[in-house]
Amino acid sequence: MDTLRETKKCTRCKKTVSIDLFINEKKRELKTCKICRDKSKKYRKPKERKEKKEKIRKYNNRNNAKFPKKYLNKYFNMEFTDKECWEMEYFINNTICGCSWDFKIFVDFHQFIHFFNIKPQMWINWKKEYDRWENIRKLENLNFKYQKWAVVEEYKEYKGKMIYRWAYFQDGSECSKWIYYGDNQEQWEKEEEENEKEHEKEKEKEQQNDKCIMCGRNDWSCKCAVPRSPINSDGETWY
């Protein structure tokens, strides 16, 4: 009986070999000996590793989604996948928080867009710019400080209606020009242009009055030694 325990017959080569050749690293008794197993490893094809697919959560209330999926599709007039819905929610959340607002429930988003009179196309344009900057940031391995967000604020009231403006910010500092929008935006811009023209005309008149009487220069580079006005320090005309 002792000799039977010390030897064992291999099912592949059908040879009686010592029992030690049937024990592997996990200390399990196998049916094939070690010699046969080593031979099979040489001719065994390596297994192709399949790429793991990202498990994307469904966009619904059970997974703590802040928007109904139907609302996002209707509001933006697009058909979002679950991944795009999560990305849009993340972007909207950070944009609203960047404007010093809270975004905890769906009602907060409604109040935000009505307060600042934000339209769906503005969100889409902001999201495109954000995606473009994110791709550049990831390629260059930059920190999160280099993220850029759109910041919206009230500018001024004009004829009973508010004018708003927005710009891109990076690391708490402005990195683009302010863009104005509102119901009376065009009228306000026309008045601003007219006021600037009038202000420039007044500056030109002041410069003409400050010219040298002898040579007509106004850059204080002449050597005429003549005061710019006909009245001297004593209050009398010099001519």
Foldseek 3Di string as FASTA:
>chain_A
DVVDQQWDAAPPVRDIDGQVQQQDPVRDGHRHGVVVVVVVVVVDDDDDDDDDDDDQDAQDVVVPHQDDQVCVCVQLVHRDGSVRSVVLSVQVQVQQVVQVFHDDHPVSVVVVCVVQVDGNVVSVVQVVVQVVQVVVCVVVVHDPQAGKYKHKDWDDDDPNWTKIWIAIDGNRHGDDDIDIDDDCVVVVVVVVVVVVVVVVVVVVVVQQLQAAPPPRDRPPPDPPPGHSDQADPVRDGPD
